[in-house]
Amino acid sequence: MKRGLFRTIDTFLGECARVHEDAGDAFPYLRPELYRRLGFTPAYEELPFRADATEAAARRRA
């Protein structure tokens, strides 16, 4: 199953969806148009928004 977890804003990709690791090569983030084309669930618009997600990832990389 291809599953989205939440929407967020990435410093490189812009608006995107965080997807489950079972998404394979799509993991961890997908732009909205790819998310929709690849048939992920739930619908992109139904994903909850998390602004803090990419900020935390950026701090871990630094």
Protein backbone atom coordinates (compact mmCIF):
# COMPACT_ATOMS: atom_id res chain seq x y z
CA MET A 1 0.00 0.00 0.00
CA LYS A 2 1.30 3.45 -0.93
CA ARG A 3 0.45 5.69 1.99
CA GLY A 4 1.00 9.35 2.75
CA LEU A 5 1.57 10.45 6.34
CA PHE A 6 1.33 14.25 6.27
CA ARG A 7 1.92 17.40 4.19
CA THR A 8 4.79 19.74 4.94
CA ILE A 9 7.09 22.38 3.45
CA ASP A 10 10.60 21.19 2.58
CA THR A 11 13.41 23.71 2.04
CA PHE A 12 14.42 21.96 -1.21
CA LEU A 13 11.14 20.55 -2.60
CA GLY A 14 8.71 23.16 -1.33
CA GLU A 15 5.24 21.82 -0.53
CA CYS A 16 5.37 18.02 -0.35
CA ALA A 17 4.01 14.89 1.29
CA ARG A 18 5.91 12.69 3.70
CA VAL A 19 5.27 9.09 2.68
CA HIS A 20 5.64 5.74 4.44
CA GLU A 21 8.92 3.86 3.95
CA ASP A 22 7.04 1.12 2.05
CA ALA A 23 6.84 3.62 -0.84
CA GLY A 24 10.28 2.44 -1.97
CA ASP A 25 12.12 4.98 -4.14
CA ALA A 26 9.48 7.61 -3.37
CA PHE A 27 10.44 7.63 0.34
CA PRO A 28 10.61 10.01 2.24
CA TYR A 29 9.05 13.03 0.43
CA LEU A 30 7.00 13.48 -2.76
CA ARG A 31 5.85 16.63 -4.53
CA PRO A 32 2.04 16.90 -4.75
CA GLU A 33 1.78 16.11 -8.48
CA LEU A 34 3.80 12.87 -8.12
CA TYR A 35 1.88 11.88 -5.01
CA ARG A 36 -1.38 12.15 -6.97
CA ARG A 37 -0.08 10.43 -10.13
CA LEU A 38 1.31 7.46 -8.21
CA GLY A 39 -2.03 6.86 -6.49
CA PHE A 40 -1.09 7.32 -2.85
CA THR A 41 -3.79 7.33 -0.18
CA PRO A 42 -5.32 9.28 1.42
CA ALA A 43 -5.82 12.03 -1.15
CA TYR A 44 -3.14 14.72 -0.90
CA GLU A 45 -5.66 17.34 0.19
CA GLU A 46 -6.80 15.10 3.07
CA LEU A 47 -3.33 14.74 4.61
CA PRO A 48 -2.78 16.69 7.84
CA PHE A 49 -0.28 19.55 7.63
CA ARG A 50 2.84 19.58 9.84
CA ALA A 51 5.09 22.64 9.64
CA ASP A 52 7.63 21.33 12.16
CA ALA A 53 8.54 18.12 10.29
CA THR A 54 11.20 19.42 7.91
CA GLU A 55 12.60 21.85 10.46
CA ALA A 56 13.39 18.92 12.77
CA ALA A 57 14.97 16.97 9.90
CA ALA A 58 17.15 19.96 8.99
CA ARG A 59 18.37 20.25 12.58
CA ARG A 60 19.34 16.57 12.60
CA ARG A 61 21.40 17.01 9.40
CA ALA A 62 23.27 20.04 10.74
